[in-house]
C-alpha cells in the first residue's frame, strides 16, 4: 500500500474515522425512522449499511488503541499489526452485515412486493444522509490529500500502510453511491407503484457493498501477511547506509511494516576485508543513526556485515533486487542533481 506514513498521518486518520462515526450514527437513526414510516426495503438496507459502518469505525478506533500497547516478551515487535487485524474484521462486517443482509432483503422484497408509504419522507431522509455522508467524505479526502502526494486515488488505496483512511474512503464512497441507488429504488417504486423496484435497489446496494468488502479484505490481507516499504523509502535506507565510509555497498535489503508507523529493516552490507571489529561495529551504529534520521519510522534495524562476493549473489532474490534497485535510484538521483548544478536537464546527453 507510494503513500508512506508521515508525521500527522496517524492523527489525520483518526480525525477521518471520528467524522465518519459521528455521521453514520446520525444517518442510521434517521434511516431507521424513515424505514419504520415507509416500509422501504432500500431504506432498511441503507439503515443496516449505516449501522455496519458505525460498527466498523468503532473497530478501527479499537485497533488504533490496542496498537499502542507496550511490547511484551510474547510480542516483542509490538502490537502495530492490531490495526490491520481490525481493519480486516471491518471488511468481514461490511460483507456479512451489509452486503448479505441487503441482498437477502432485496430478494425478499422482489418475491413479496409491497407498496411504499410516504415516499416523500424517504426522499427527505436520503437528502439528509447525502449531506452528512458528504461531510464525512470531504473530511476523509482532505486528510488523505495530506499524505497522498502525487499518487492517484487508486494507488493511494492500494499502497497506503495505515488502514484507516483507505477504509473510510471506500466506505464513504460506497455509502454515497448506495444513497443514489436507494433514491432510484424508492423513486421508481413510487412512480410505477411497483415495490419490486425497491427490492432491486436493495439488491444493487448489496452488490456494491460486497465489492467494496472484497477490495478492502484483499488490501488488509496483504498488510496482515506483511508488506515491504515503498521504493522511495527503500532507496532512502540504502542511501543512508552507503553514505558512510564503512559500508561499500548494500548486498541485500529486506523491509517489513510490522505496523503503519513501525518499519523493520534488515540488510546485509559489504565491509572492507581488513576492517577491525571495532571499526565495523562503529560503522553499523553510525549507519543505524543515519537510517533513523532519513526514515523515522525505521524503529527496528538489523544490519549484518559481510564480504561482497559477486559469485555468491542470487540475482533473483527479491532482497537483492531491492538493494540494487535502490542503489541505482540513488546513483540516478545524484547524477540528476549534478546535472542540474551544471545547468543541464536530467537525462540530457553528457557534455563532450
Protein backbone atom coordinates (compact mmCIF):
# COMPACT_ATOMS: atom_id res chain seq x y z
CA UNK A 1 0.00 0.00 0.00
CA UNK A 2 3.58 5.01 -2.77
CA UNK A 3 1.99 6.57 0.28
CA UNK A 4 4.17 6.15 3.33
CA UNK A 5 3.30 7.06 6.88
CA UNK A 6 4.44 10.51 7.76
CA UNK A 7 4.01 12.97 10.56
CA UNK A 8 0.37 13.87 11.02
CA UNK A 9 -0.85 10.89 9.03
CA UNK A 10 -1.93 8.96 12.10
CA UNK A 11 -3.78 11.93 13.60
CA UNK A 12 -5.44 12.62 10.26
CA UNK A 13 -6.66 9.04 10.02
CA UNK A 14 -8.23 9.26 13.47
CA UNK A 15 -9.97 12.52 12.60
CA UNK A 16 -11.50 10.96 9.48
CA UNK A 17 -12.68 7.91 11.44
CA UNK A 18 -14.32 10.07 14.14
CA UNK A 19 -16.05 12.21 11.50
CA UNK A 20 -17.34 9.08 9.76
CA UNK A 21 -18.53 7.58 13.06
CA UNK A 22 -20.50 10.70 14.01
CA UNK A 23 -22.05 10.94 10.55
CA UNK A 24 -23.03 7.26 10.37
CA UNK A 25 -24.67 7.21 13.79
CA UNK A 26 -26.84 10.18 12.84
CA UNK A 27 -27.61 8.70 9.43
CA UNK A 28 -28.50 5.28 10.85
CA UNK A 29 -31.03 6.74 13.28
CA UNK A 30 -32.62 8.86 10.56
CA UNK A 31 -32.82 6.00 8.07
CA UNK A 32 -34.36 3.60 10.56
CA UNK A 33 -37.04 6.18 11.35
CA UNK A 34 -37.75 6.52 7.64
CA UNK A 35 -37.94 2.73 7.21
CA UNK A 36 -40.48 2.42 10.03
CA UNK A 37 -42.66 5.06 8.35
CA UNK A 38 -42.26 4.00 4.70
CA UNK A 39 -41.53 0.26 4.90
CA UNK A 40 -38.92 0.68 2.14
CA UNK A 41 -36.53 -2.24 1.66
CA UNK A 42 -33.95 0.14 0.22
CA UNK A 43 -34.20 2.29 3.33
CA UNK A 44 -33.82 -0.78 5.56
CA UNK A 45 -30.76 -1.88 3.57
CA UNK A 46 -29.27 1.58 3.88
CA UNK A 47 -30.08 1.63 7.62
CA UNK A 48 -28.22 -1.64 8.18
CA UNK A 49 -25.40 -0.31 5.99
CA UNK A 50 -25.03 2.75 8.25
CA UNK A 51 -25.15 0.62 11.41
CA UNK A 52 -22.43 -1.62 9.96
CA UNK A 53 -20.35 1.43 9.04
CA UNK A 54 -20.73 2.81 12.59
CA UNK A 55 -19.53 -0.51 13.99
CA UNK A 56 -16.67 -0.51 11.52
CA UNK A 57 -15.45 2.91 12.65
CA UNK A 58 -15.61 1.72 16.25
CA UNK A 59 -13.47 -1.29 15.27
CA UNK A 60 -10.91 0.95 13.56
CA UNK A 61 -10.66 3.10 16.69
CA UNK A 62 -10.30 -0.02 18.84
CA UNK A 63 -7.48 -1.25 16.61
CA UNK A 64 -5.67 2.09 16.90
CA UNK A 65 -6.00 1.99 20.68
CA UNK A 66 -4.74 -1.59 21.02
CA UNK A 67 -1.80 -0.95 18.69
CA UNK A 68 -0.35 1.47 21.27
CA UNK A 69 0.32 -1.29 23.82
CA UNK A 70 3.90 -1.72 25.01
CA UNK A 71 5.95 -4.64 23.68
CA UNK A 72 5.89 -7.85 25.68
CA UNK A 73 8.09 -10.95 25.71
CA UNK A 74 5.44 -12.74 23.67
CA UNK A 75 5.02 -9.86 21.20
CA UNK A 76 8.49 -8.36 21.02
CA UNK A 77 7.82 -6.32 17.89
CA UNK A 78 4.81 -4.61 19.43
CA UNK A 79 1.13 -4.56 18.50
CA UNK A 80 1.10 -2.31 15.44
CA UNK A 81 -0.49 -5.06 13.33
CA UNK A 82 -3.62 -4.84 15.51
CA UNK A 83 -4.74 -2.04 13.19
CA UNK A 84 -4.52 -4.37 10.20
CA UNK A 85 -6.41 -7.11 12.02
CA UNK A 86 -9.33 -4.90 13.00
CA UNK A 87 -9.45 -3.37 9.53
CA UNK A 88 -9.78 -6.91 8.14
CA UNK A 89 -12.66 -7.51 10.56
CA UNK A 90 -14.22 -4.34 9.15
CA UNK A 91 -14.21 -5.93 5.69
CA UNK A 92 -15.90 -9.05 7.07
CA UNK A 93 -18.57 -6.98 8.85
CA UNK A 94 -19.18 -4.93 5.73
CA UNK A 95 -19.72 -8.13 3.75
CA UNK A 96 -21.77 -10.18 6.21
CA UNK A 97 -23.86 -7.46 7.86
CA UNK A 98 -24.07 -5.02 4.97
CA UNK A 99 -23.92 -6.96 1.72
CA UNK A 100 -25.57 -10.25 2.68
CA UNK A 101 -28.43 -8.59 4.55
CA UNK A 102 -29.10 -6.15 1.71
CA UNK A 103 -29.13 -8.97 -0.84
CA UNK A 104 -31.50 -11.02 1.32
CA UNK A 105 -33.86 -8.08 1.87
CA UNK A 106 -33.85 -7.27 -1.86
CA UNK A 107 -34.72 -10.84 -2.84
CA UNK A 108 -37.45 -10.96 -0.20
CA UNK A 109 -38.98 -7.68 -1.39
CA UNK A 110 -38.91 -8.72 -5.05
CA UNK A 111 -40.58 -12.04 -4.14
CA UNK A 112 -43.20 -10.33 -1.95
CA UNK A 113 -43.54 -6.72 -3.20
CA UNK A 114 -45.26 -4.14 -1.00
CA UNK A 115 -46.42 -0.62 -1.77
CA UNK A 116 -44.36 2.15 -0.18
CA UNK A 117 -45.92 4.51 2.34
CA UNK A 118 -44.95 8.20 2.41
CA UNK A 119 -42.10 8.09 -0.13
CA UNK A 120 -41.57 11.83 0.37
CA UNK A 121 -40.22 11.07 3.84
CA UNK A 122 -37.74 8.61 2.36
CA UNK A 123 -36.56 11.25 -0.11
CA UNK A 124 -36.08 13.79 2.69
CA UNK A 125 -34.09 11.31 4.78
CA UNK A 126 -31.93 10.35 1.82
CA UNK A 127 -31.20 14.04 1.22
CA UNK A 128 -30.11 14.49 4.87
CA UNK A 129 -27.97 11.36 4.63
CA UNK A 130 -26.25 12.62 1.47
CA UNK A 131 -25.31 15.85 3.24
CA UNK A 132 -23.93 14.09 6.34
CA UNK A 133 -22.12 11.43 4.32
CA UNK A 134 -20.72 14.09 2.03
CA UNK A 135 -19.26 15.97 5.00
CA UNK A 136 -17.63 12.76 6.24
CA UNK A 137 -16.28 12.00 2.76
CA UNK A 138 -14.90 15.53 2.44
CA UNK A 139 -13.02 15.12 5.73
CA UNK A 140 -11.58 11.78 4.58
CA UNK A 141 -10.47 13.29 1.26
CA UNK A 142 -8.87 16.31 2.95
CA UNK A 143 -6.94 14.12 5.41
CA UNK A 144 -5.89 11.71 2.64
CA UNK A 145 -4.54 14.54 0.49
CA UNK A 146 -2.04 15.38 3.23
CA UNK A 147 -0.26 12.05 2.77
CA UNK A 148 -1.30 11.04 -0.76
CA UNK A 149 1.20 13.28 -2.51
CA UNK A 150 1.11 12.81 -6.27
CA UNK A 151 -0.29 9.30 -6.10
CA UNK A 152 -3.61 8.58 -7.77
CA UNK A 153 -6.52 7.64 -5.55
CA UNK A 154 -6.32 4.05 -6.70
CA UNK A 155 -2.60 3.93 -5.92
CA UNK A 156 -3.17 5.54 -2.52
CA UNK A 157 -5.77 2.97 -1.51
CA UNK A 158 -3.60 0.15 -2.86
CA UNK A 159 -0.31 1.22 -1.26
CA UNK A 160 -1.20 3.11 1.94
CA UNK A 161 0.26 1.41 5.02
CA UNK A 162 -2.21 2.92 7.50
CA UNK A 163 -5.59 1.17 7.02
CA UNK A 164 -7.98 3.79 8.41
CA UNK A 165 -8.08 6.33 5.58
CA UNK A 166 -8.49 3.78 2.75
CA UNK A 167 -11.22 2.05 4.76
CA UNK A 168 -13.13 5.29 5.39
CA UNK A 169 -12.69 6.41 1.77
CA UNK A 170 -14.08 3.12 0.47
CA UNK A 171 -16.95 3.09 2.97
CA UNK A 172 -17.96 6.70 2.32
CA UNK A 173 -17.76 6.22 -1.44
CA UNK A 174 -19.96 3.14 -1.19
CA UNK A 175 -22.35 4.98 1.11
CA UNK A 176 -22.80 7.88 -1.32
CA UNK A 177 -23.33 5.54 -4.27
CA UNK A 178 -25.67 3.43 -2.14
CA UNK A 179 -27.76 6.50 -1.33
CA UNK A 180 -28.13 7.19 -5.04
CA UNK A 181 -29.21 3.58 -5.60
CA UNK A 182 -31.70 3.80 -2.73
CA UNK A 183 -33.08 7.04 -4.15
CA UNK A 184 -33.56 5.39 -7.55
CA UNK A 185 -35.24 2.35 -6.00
CA UNK A 186 -37.67 4.45 -3.94
CA UNK A 187 -38.39 6.82 -6.84
CA UNK A 188 -39.14 4.03 -9.32
CA UNK A 189 -41.34 2.27 -6.78
CA UNK A 190 -43.28 5.47 -6.12
CA UNK A 191 -43.71 6.29 -9.81
CA UNK A 192 -44.60 2.79 -11.04
CA UNK A 193 -46.36 1.69 -7.82
CA UNK A 194 -44.33 -1.50 -8.11
CA UNK A 195 -42.48 -2.45 -4.91
CA UNK A 196 -40.09 -4.69 -6.84
CA UNK A 197 -38.06 -1.63 -7.83
CA UNK A 198 -37.43 -1.00 -4.16
CA UNK A 199 -36.16 -4.57 -3.83
CA UNK A 200 -33.95 -4.05 -6.87
CA UNK A 201 -32.43 -1.01 -5.16
CA UNK A 202 -31.62 -3.17 -2.13
CA UNK A 203 -30.02 -5.80 -4.36
CA UNK A 204 -27.84 -3.16 -6.03
CA UNK A 205 -26.74 -1.84 -2.63
CA UNK A 206 -25.86 -5.37 -1.51
CA UNK A 207 -23.78 -5.99 -4.63
CA UNK A 208 -21.99 -2.67 -4.14
CA UNK A 209 -21.15 -3.42 -0.51
CA UNK A 210 -19.95 -6.88 -1.44
CA UNK A 211 -17.49 -5.45 -3.99
CA UNK A 212 -16.16 -2.87 -1.53
CA UNK A 213 -15.80 -5.52 1.17
CA UNK A 214 -13.79 -7.77 -1.14
CA UNK A 215 -11.46 -4.91 -2.16
CA UNK A 216 -10.89 -3.93 1.47
CA UNK A 217 -10.35 -7.55 2.54
CA UNK A 218 -7.74 -8.11 -0.19
CA UNK A 219 -5.81 -4.99 0.83
CA UNK A 220 -5.93 -5.79 4.55
CA UNK A 221 -4.89 -9.40 3.87
CA UNK A 222 -1.79 -8.10 2.09
CA UNK A 223 -0.92 -5.90 5.06
CA UNK A 224 -1.54 -8.71 7.55
CA UNK A 225 0.79 -11.03 5.63
CA UNK A 226 3.40 -8.28 5.63
CA UNK A 227 4.28 -5.61 3.09
CA UNK A 228 7.67 -4.06 2.46
CA UNK A 229 8.34 -0.33 2.44
CA UNK A 230 7.77 1.67 -0.73
CA UNK A 231 10.57 2.05 -3.26
CA UNK A 232 11.29 5.64 -2.26
CA UNK A 233 11.69 4.59 1.37
CA UNK A 234 13.95 1.67 0.45
CA UNK A 235 16.07 3.99 -1.68
CA UNK A 236 16.40 6.37 1.27
CA UNK A 237 17.52 3.49 3.51
CA UNK A 238 20.16 2.30 1.04
CA UNK A 239 21.39 5.87 0.55
CA UNK A 240 21.71 6.30 4.31
CA UNK A 241 23.70 3.07 4.68
CA UNK A 242 26.04 3.76 1.77
CA UNK A 243 26.61 7.38 2.82
CA UNK A 244 29.17 6.28 5.42
CA UNK A 245 32.77 5.31 4.68
CA UNK A 246 32.50 1.89 6.34
CA UNK A 247 29.85 0.35 4.04
CA UNK A 248 30.95 -0.34 0.49
CA UNK A 249 27.50 -1.38 -0.70
CA UNK A 250 24.22 -2.95 0.39
CA UNK A 251 24.21 -6.61 -0.64
CA UNK A 252 20.57 -7.27 0.11
CA UNK A 253 17.74 -5.43 1.83
CA UNK A 254 14.52 -6.61 3.46
CA UNK A 255 11.90 -4.31 4.95
CA UNK A 256 8.62 -5.10 6.66
CA UNK A 257 5.83 -2.96 8.07
CA UNK A 258 5.05 -4.51 11.45
CA UNK A 259 2.61 -1.63 11.86
CA UNK A 260 1.66 1.51 9.92
CA UNK A 261 4.24 3.61 11.75
CA UNK A 262 6.82 0.92 12.54
CA UNK A 263 9.23 -0.40 9.92
CA UNK A 264 11.61 -3.33 10.31
CA UNK A 265 14.84 -3.05 8.30
CA UNK A 266 17.19 -5.99 7.76
CA UNK A 267 20.20 -5.59 5.48
CA UNK A 268 23.47 -7.30 4.70
CA UNK A 269 26.18 -4.75 3.99
CA UNK A 270 29.60 -5.23 2.43
CA UNK A 271 32.57 -4.08 4.51
CA UNK A 272 36.27 -3.99 3.75
CA UNK A 273 38.09 -7.23 4.47
CA UNK A 274 40.77 -5.52 6.55
CA UNK A 275 38.41 -3.52 8.81
CA UNK A 276 38.65 -4.28 12.52
CA UNK A 277 35.65 -5.46 14.54
CA UNK A 278 35.66 -2.14 16.37
CA UNK A 279 35.51 -0.17 13.11
CA UNK A 280 32.74 -2.39 11.72
CA UNK A 281 30.65 -2.05 14.90
CA UNK A 282 31.09 1.72 14.89
CA UNK A 283 30.15 1.84 11.22
CA UNK A 284 26.97 -0.17 11.81
CA UNK A 285 25.98 2.08 14.70
CA UNK A 286 26.52 5.14 12.53
CA UNK A 287 24.52 3.59 9.67
CA UNK A 288 21.61 2.90 12.03
CA UNK A 289 21.58 6.53 13.13
CA UNK A 290 21.56 7.70 9.50
CA UNK A 291 18.69 5.34 8.66
CA UNK A 292 16.58 6.60 11.58
CA UNK A 293 17.29 10.20 10.57
CA UNK A 294 16.25 9.52 6.96
CA UNK A 295 13.30 7.23 7.79
CA UNK A 296 11.96 7.96 11.30
CA UNK A 297 9.54 5.00 11.28
CA UNK A 298 12.51 2.59 10.92
CA UNK A 299 12.44 1.59 14.58
CA UNK A 300 13.72 -1.99 14.19
CA UNK A 301 17.06 -2.16 12.35
CA UNK A 302 19.27 -5.22 11.91
CA UNK A 303 22.47 -4.81 9.86
CA UNK A 304 24.78 -7.74 9.14
CA UNK A 305 28.32 -7.11 7.91
CA UNK A 306 29.73 -9.38 5.20
CA UNK A 307 32.34 -9.52 2.47
CA UNK A 308 30.96 -8.96 -1.01
CA UNK A 309 31.46 -11.85 -3.44
CA UNK A 310 29.61 -11.47 -6.71
CA UNK A 311 29.62 -15.23 -7.38
CA UNK A 312 27.51 -15.86 -4.27
CA UNK A 313 24.81 -13.32 -5.12
CA UNK A 314 21.44 -14.67 -6.26
CA UNK A 315 20.16 -12.02 -8.66
CA UNK A 316 16.63 -13.46 -8.45
CA UNK A 317 16.41 -12.92 -4.70
CA UNK A 318 13.84 -10.11 -4.10
CA UNK A 319 16.04 -8.73 -1.33
CA UNK A 320 18.98 -8.44 -3.73
CA UNK A 321 16.78 -6.80 -6.37
CA UNK A 322 15.51 -4.30 -3.78
CA UNK A 323 19.06 -3.33 -2.81
CA UNK A 324 20.25 -2.99 -6.41
CA UNK A 325 17.17 -1.01 -7.48
CA UNK A 326 17.51 1.35 -4.54
CA UNK A 327 21.23 1.82 -5.15
CA UNK A 328 20.54 2.58 -8.83
CA UNK A 329 17.91 5.14 -7.83
CA UNK A 330 20.43 6.78 -5.56
CA UNK A 331 23.06 6.97 -8.32
CA UNK A 332 20.47 8.31 -10.79
CA UNK A 333 19.33 10.94 -8.31
CA UNK A 334 22.90 12.00 -7.62
CA UNK A 335 23.63 12.24 -11.36
CA UNK A 336 20.48 14.29 -11.89
CA UNK A 337 21.48 16.67 -9.09
CA UNK A 338 24.95 17.10 -10.60
CA UNK A 339 23.39 17.77 -14.00
CA UNK A 340 21.15 20.46 -12.53
CA UNK A 341 24.11 22.07 -10.81
CA UNK A 342 25.94 22.16 -14.15
CA UNK A 343 22.96 23.79 -15.84
CA UNK A 344 21.83 20.69 -17.79
CA UNK A 345 18.47 18.96 -17.55
CA UNK A 346 18.47 15.43 -16.07
CA UNK A 347 18.60 12.81 -18.81
CA UNK A 348 20.28 15.05 -21.37
CA UNK A 349 23.35 13.73 -23.21
CA UNK A 350 26.66 14.19 -21.41
CA UNK A 351 28.78 17.09 -22.40
CA UNK A 352 31.50 16.28 -24.93
